[in-house]
Amino acid sequence: MARAKTVKKADTKPAEPVSKKKEPKEKSAQGAPRDYAQGETYEEGEMIYHKVWDDVGEILEVGTTEDGIRKMKVHFEKVGVKNLRMGQVG
């Protein structure tokens, strides 16, 4: 039984390497809010979704407590302003 030969086209270009550049974090203008996870880091102006409260909020400010815990202040549509923890930088 004869096998079919694989033929390469002469004018094909090699695939370009995929850039491993980090994409900027999603902002509210770029699409749906990110799910809140305590281990993630966030920036002011981002929109997040909190599963427990089933609520969407905008991050008003980001900072660090006196004992080095990263925190953020978020204004949610249903539950109001809340202080939440977030991941460590570095």
C-alpha atoms as a PDB file:
ATOM      1  CA  MET A   1       0.000   0.000   0.000  1.00  0.00           C
ATOM      2  CA  ALA A   2       1.458   3.390  -0.967  1.00  0.00           C
ATOM      3  CA  ARG A   3       1.753   6.230   1.533  1.00  0.00           C
ATOM      4  CA  ALA A   4       0.938   9.829   0.730  1.00  0.00           C
ATOM      5  CA  LYS A   5       3.926  12.145   0.749  1.00  0.00           C
ATOM      6  CA  THR A   6       3.961  15.286   2.852  1.00  0.00           C
ATOM      7  CA  VAL A   7       4.744  18.283   0.700  1.00  0.00           C
ATOM      8  CA  LYS A   8       5.978  21.585   2.155  1.00  0.00           C
ATOM      9  CA  LYS A   9       5.118  24.774   0.358  1.00  0.00           C
ATOM     10  CA  ALA A  10       8.204  26.681  -0.760  1.00  0.00           C
ATOM     11  CA  ASP A  11       6.896  30.117   0.231  1.00  0.00           C
ATOM     12  CA  THR A  12       5.900  29.367   3.830  1.00  0.00           C
ATOM     13  CA  LYS A  13       7.454  31.564   6.517  1.00  0.00           C
ATOM     14  CA  PRO A  14       8.597  30.180   9.861  1.00  0.00           C
ATOM     15  CA  ALA A  15       6.211  30.877  12.701  1.00  0.00           C
ATOM     16  CA  GLU A  16       7.018  34.039  14.610  1.00  0.00           C
ATOM     17  CA  PRO A  17       7.839  33.534  18.293  1.00  0.00           C
ATOM     18  CA  VAL A  18       5.008  34.235  20.683  1.00  0.00           C
ATOM     19  CA  SER A  19       5.662  37.217  22.893  1.00  0.00           C
ATOM     20  CA  LYS A  20       5.549  36.448  26.592  1.00  0.00           C
ATOM     21  CA  LYS A  21       4.844  40.064  27.438  1.00  0.00           C
ATOM     22  CA  LYS A  22       2.319  40.416  30.257  1.00  0.00           C
ATOM     23  CA  GLU A  23      -0.976  41.907  29.218  1.00  0.00           C
ATOM     24  CA  PRO A  24      -2.140  44.880  31.260  1.00  0.00           C
ATOM     25  CA  LYS A  25      -4.778  44.074  33.844  1.00  0.00           C
ATOM     26  CA  GLU A  26      -8.346  44.468  32.675  1.00  0.00           C
ATOM     27  CA  LYS A  27      -9.990  47.777  33.384  1.00  0.00           C
ATOM     28  CA  SER A  28     -13.727  48.381  33.402  1.00  0.00           C
ATOM     29  CA  ALA A  29     -13.594  49.937  29.937  1.00  0.00           C
ATOM     30  CA  GLN A  30     -11.933  46.823  28.493  1.00  0.00           C
ATOM     31  CA  GLY A  31     -14.632  44.321  29.401  1.00  0.00           C
ATOM     32  CA  ALA A  32     -16.093  42.245  32.190  1.00  0.00           C
ATOM     33  CA  PRO A  33     -14.905  42.652  35.785  1.00  0.00           C
ATOM     34  CA  ARG A  34     -12.258  40.260  37.153  1.00  0.00           C
ATOM     35  CA  ASP A  35     -13.278  37.737  39.791  1.00  0.00           C
ATOM     36  CA  TYR A  36     -11.943  38.742  43.210  1.00  0.00           C
ATOM     37  CA  ALA A  37      -9.306  36.414  44.650  1.00  0.00           C
ATOM     38  CA  GLN A  38      -7.401  37.334  47.806  1.00  0.00           C
ATOM     39  CA  GLY A  39      -4.084  36.163  46.307  1.00  0.00           C
ATOM     40  CA  GLU A  40      -4.333  38.417  43.223  1.00  0.00           C
ATOM     41  CA  THR A  41      -3.151  42.023  42.959  1.00  0.00           C
ATOM     42  CA  TYR A  42      -5.327  44.823  41.661  1.00  0.00           C
ATOM     43  CA  GLU A  43      -5.039  48.485  40.687  1.00  0.00           C
ATOM     44  CA  GLU A  44      -7.179  51.551  41.327  1.00  0.00           C
ATOM     45  CA  GLY A  45     -10.006  51.927  38.824  1.00  0.00           C
ATOM     46  CA  GLU A  46     -10.340  48.189  38.124  1.00  0.00           C
ATOM     47  CA  MET A  47     -13.732  46.512  38.362  1.00  0.00           C
ATOM     48  CA  ILE A  48     -14.011  43.272  40.340  1.00  0.00           C
ATOM     49  CA  TYR A  49     -16.741  40.727  40.976  1.00  0.00           C
ATOM     50  CA  HIS A  50     -17.147  39.254  44.484  1.00  0.00           C
ATOM     51  CA  LYS A  51     -18.746  35.789  44.275  1.00  0.00           C
ATOM     52  CA  VAL A  52     -19.901  35.583  47.906  1.00  0.00           C
ATOM     53  CA  TRP A  53     -21.750  38.890  47.764  1.00  0.00           C
ATOM     54  CA  ASP A  54     -22.744  38.439  44.094  1.00  0.00           C
ATOM     55  CA  ASP A  55     -21.741  42.042  43.556  1.00  0.00           C
ATOM     56  CA  VAL A  56     -19.567  44.164  41.272  1.00  0.00           C
ATOM     57  CA  GLY A  57     -17.389  46.968  42.590  1.00  0.00           C
ATOM     58  CA  GLU A  58     -14.792  49.519  41.553  1.00  0.00           C
ATOM     59  CA  ILE A  59     -11.460  49.721  43.372  1.00  0.00           C
ATOM     60  CA  LEU A  60     -11.192  53.187  44.901  1.00  0.00           C
ATOM     61  CA  GLU A  61      -7.756  52.930  46.488  1.00  0.00           C
ATOM     62  CA  VAL A  62      -4.925  50.455  47.023  1.00  0.00           C
ATOM     63  CA  GLY A  63      -2.497  50.464  49.946  1.00  0.00           C
ATOM     64  CA  THR A  64      -0.680  48.564  52.669  1.00  0.00           C
ATOM     65  CA  THR A  65      -1.554  48.206  56.360  1.00  0.00           C
ATOM     66  CA  GLU A  66       0.946  49.019  59.124  1.00  0.00           C
ATOM     67  CA  ASP A  67       1.813  45.318  59.397  1.00  0.00           C
ATOM     68  CA  GLY A  68       2.522  44.953  55.655  1.00  0.00           C
ATOM     69  CA  ILE A  69      -0.774  43.465  54.440  1.00  0.00           C
ATOM     70  CA  ARG A  70      -1.848  44.713  50.988  1.00  0.00           C
ATOM     71  CA  LYS A  71      -5.393  46.063  50.986  1.00  0.00           C
ATOM     72  CA  MET A  72      -7.857  47.847  48.776  1.00  0.00           C
ATOM     73  CA  LYS A  73     -11.010  49.871  49.276  1.00  0.00           C
ATOM     74  CA  VAL A  74     -13.813  48.848  46.907  1.00  0.00           C
ATOM     75  CA  HIS A  75     -17.188  50.461  46.271  1.00  0.00           C
ATOM     76  CA  PHE A  76     -19.708  47.706  45.519  1.00  0.00           C
ATOM     77  CA  GLU A  77     -23.110  48.358  43.942  1.00  0.00           C
ATOM     78  CA  LYS A  78     -25.126  46.377  46.530  1.00  0.00           C
ATOM     79  CA  VAL A  79     -23.062  46.184  49.738  1.00  0.00           C
ATOM     80  CA  GLY A  80     -21.351  49.582  49.623  1.00  0.00           C
ATOM     81  CA  VAL A  81     -17.709  50.352  50.461  1.00  0.00           C
ATOM     82  CA  LYS A  82     -15.625  47.432  51.749  1.00  0.00           C
ATOM     83  CA  ASN A  83     -11.943  46.949  52.617  1.00  0.00           C
ATOM     84  CA  LEU A  84     -10.486  43.764  51.126  1.00  0.00           C
ATOM     85  CA  ARG A  85      -7.104  42.043  51.242  1.00  0.00           C
ATOM     86  CA  MET A  86      -5.089  41.301  48.153  1.00  0.00           C
ATOM     87  CA  GLY A  87      -1.892  39.458  47.171  1.00  0.00           C
ATOM     88  CA  GLN A  88       1.630  40.468  48.018  1.00  0.00           C
ATOM     89  CA  VAL A  89       3.833  42.191  45.452  1.00  0.00           C
ATOM     90  CA  GLY A  90       7.227  40.717  44.698  1.00  0.00           C
END
